[in-house]
C-alpha cells in the first residue's frame, strides 16, 4: 500500500524477494501536466509493469472496500506513504497487521513530512522505522530502525536514501519477525511533522543564514524555496553559506550574494518560474538583478 516514489523501492524489493503480492493499493490517478490528463501514481505504474493487480479506492471507509480487503486473507499489509487513513477493520484484517515504513527515527517526527521537518530543525541524523500500525498517528510499536546522517543532503536526496533503506529493512524483518520484538514508543519524546504548506517555502532572509540554507535543502525538490523579484518567482535549489554580511534580503554583489540576518547565502542552482533550473553562471548570463536590490 503506497503511492509516491518513496514507496517504489519497497514494492520492488518485496517482489524480488519472492513474496506473493496479491494486491497493490495506491491512491487514484491524478490529473497532471499541461493537458491535465489522468496520471497513475509511481507505485501503480511499477505494479502494473510487474503484472500485479492494482486497486485505487478513493477511501477505505466503505464497508464493501473493507470486506474486499479482508477477503484477500493477507499475512501482512506493507504500507509506505500510502496517503489514505486506514480504518480499524483494515488494520485488523491481515494476520500480522499493517506494517509501516516511516521516514524518521520514531518517536521523533510523527506525521506527514518527517524528512523536511528533520532538515528544517537542524537534526544531525534521521532514519527509517519499521512499525506496527495502530489507530494513532505513527504511534504504534517499533519493530526495526536504522539511522542515517543528514549532513548537507536535500529532502529529495534524503528521501531517496531512506526509501532504499526502508525497503531493505522491511525485507529483513519479514525473514524472521520473531527476531524483532515490538518496542513501545515513548510518547513524551514525540514531535509532530506537520504537512508542508506552500507559504513555508518563501525564503526568510531576516533569519540566520543557516536557517535559510536549511529551508533551501528541505524544500528541494518540492515546493522549492523561493523569493520574488519584479513579479517573478525564483526558486533556489542549492546554495552555500558565506561569512560576509549585509542588509537582510539585499543583493550584495554581482554574483547574487544575498544578505541574511547573520551571514549571507550564495545561490548555486536557481530556477525562474516557467524556466529550467540552471547553475549560477548560466543564470547570471541571462538574468541581472542589480546590486542593492531588496528581495521579497
Foldseek 3Di string as FASTA:
>chain_A
DAFAPLQVLLVVLCVVVPHDDQEAEAAFFFQDDPVRDGDGGPNVVVCVVVVHHYDHDNACPDPVSLVVLLVVAAQEAEYEHRPYQDDPSQQPRHVQGYKYKDWFDPLEAFEDQRLLVCLLVVPQKTWIWTFRDDNDGPQGFTFDIDMDGPPLAASVVSSVVRSNVSSVVVVVCVVPVVVTDTHGGDVVPHDYDYDDDQVLLAAAQQDAPSNSQSSLRSQVPPPARWWDDPHWIKGQNHKDWAQDADPGQFQADFQRWGHGNGGTIGGQWMDIPPGDIDGSVVVSVPDGDDGGDHID
